Every structure is written in C-alpha cells, then in structure tokens.
Amino acid sequence: MHDTRSDSGIIVVAQAAGANAVHTGLQAGDVIREINRTPLQSSSQLQALIRNFKSGDPAVLQIERNGKLQYLAFEMD
C-alpha cells in the first residue's frame, strides 16, 4: 500500500450490493484501519469480527481516505 500512512489495513475495492449490505459510507480506495478500536491486519480478521455483531450493534470504522484519517459510524443491519 503505497502513499498511505501505514502498511496495515484493508483496501476497499467495491461495495457489496443487495438487501443485506450494510450502508457504511465506505468508498472504493478507502483503507479500513480499525473497527471499534481494533486494528486490522487482514480481511479474514475483519470478517471474524463482523460475524460477532448482532443487528443494531454500533460500529465505528477508522479509515484513511485521500491520505486523511476519518471515522465512519453506523449500526449493523
């Protein structure tokens, strides 16, 4: 991952489509750094963490977009 703040994180390449997709505000090219203050190292780690969420649980992503850190908050569907 060149031109980013660190070497860890998960690059968003596309958004999931369909009725079960959670609307997070992520965009292609975003780098997900953390979910609920847990640093991310792999997509399998992210998937494992997401499986533990229940409908209505709050989630906060720390992302890097265009070289700037941002936070996206949403509730799991």
Protein backbone atom coordinates (compact mmCIF):
# COMPACT_ATOMS: atom_id res chain seq x y z
CA MET A 1 0.00 0.00 0.00
CA HIS A 2 1.92 2.99 -1.21
CA ASP A 3 1.03 6.59 -0.38
CA THR A 4 -0.74 5.60 2.84
CA ARG A 5 0.00 6.39 6.48
CA SER A 6 0.93 2.78 7.39
CA ASP A 7 1.34 -0.66 5.88
CA SER A 8 -1.63 -2.24 7.66
CA GLY A 9 -5.31 -2.09 6.85
CA ILE A 10 -7.77 -3.38 4.29
CA ILE A 11 -8.30 -1.64 0.96
CA VAL A 12 -11.92 -1.31 -0.15
CA VAL A 13 -12.22 -2.30 -3.81
CA ALA A 14 -16.03 -2.29 -4.13
CA GLN A 15 -19.20 -2.14 -2.08
CA ALA A 16 -21.44 -5.14 -1.53
CA ALA A 17 -24.75 -4.94 -3.30
CA GLY A 18 -28.04 -6.37 -2.20
CA ALA A 19 -30.61 -6.13 0.53
CA ASN A 20 -28.23 -7.41 3.23
CA ALA A 21 -25.49 -4.84 2.53
CA VAL A 22 -24.74 -2.54 5.47
CA HIS A 23 -24.59 1.12 4.46
CA THR A 24 -21.29 2.25 5.96
CA GLY A 25 -20.25 5.20 3.81
CA LEU A 26 -17.16 3.36 2.56
CA GLN A 27 -15.85 4.19 -0.90
CA ALA A 28 -13.60 2.27 -3.26
CA GLY A 29 -10.00 3.15 -2.40
CA ASP A 30 -10.64 3.66 1.32
CA VAL A 31 -8.30 1.81 3.68
CA ILE A 32 -10.01 0.39 6.76
CA ARG A 33 -7.57 0.72 9.67
CA GLU A 34 -9.72 -0.23 12.69
CA ILE A 35 -13.16 -1.42 13.66
CA ASN A 36 -14.30 -0.44 17.16
CA ARG A 37 -10.70 0.40 18.11
CA THR A 38 -9.35 -2.99 16.99
CA PRO A 39 -6.51 -2.55 14.46
CA LEU A 40 -7.00 -4.65 11.32
CA GLN A 41 -4.31 -6.73 9.67
CA SER A 42 -6.34 -8.89 7.27
CA SER A 43 -9.72 -9.27 5.62
CA SER A 44 -10.23 -12.59 7.43
CA GLN A 45 -9.77 -10.77 10.76
CA LEU A 46 -12.38 -8.19 9.71
CA GLN A 47 -14.81 -10.93 8.68
CA ALA A 48 -14.36 -12.73 12.00
CA LEU A 49 -15.04 -9.53 13.95
CA ILE A 50 -18.12 -8.70 11.86
CA ARG A 51 -19.59 -12.17 12.45
CA ASN A 52 -19.78 -11.34 16.18
CA PHE A 53 -22.00 -8.31 15.61
CA LYS A 54 -25.75 -8.50 16.07
CA SER A 55 -28.39 -6.41 14.34
CA GLY A 56 -28.43 -2.94 15.87
CA ASP A 57 -24.89 -3.14 17.29
CA PRO A 58 -22.92 0.08 16.82
CA ALA A 59 -19.75 0.00 14.76
CA VAL A 60 -17.08 2.63 14.15
CA LEU A 61 -14.53 2.29 11.39
CA GLN A 62 -11.32 4.27 11.29
CA ILE A 63 -10.49 4.71 7.63
CA GLU A 64 -7.90 6.50 5.57
CA ARG A 65 -9.31 8.37 2.59
CA ASN A 66 -7.10 10.50 0.38
CA GLY A 67 -4.34 10.46 3.00
CA LYS A 68 -6.59 11.63 5.85
CA LEU A 69 -7.95 9.61 8.76
CA GLN A 70 -11.71 9.64 9.21
CA TYR A 71 -14.30 7.79 11.27
CA LEU A 72 -17.50 6.22 9.95
CA ALA A 73 -20.18 5.23 12.47
CA PHE A 74 -23.18 3.03 11.67
CA GLU A 75 -25.39 0.30 13.09
CA MET A 76 -25.27 -3.27 11.87
CA ASP A 77 -28.37 -4.38 9.99
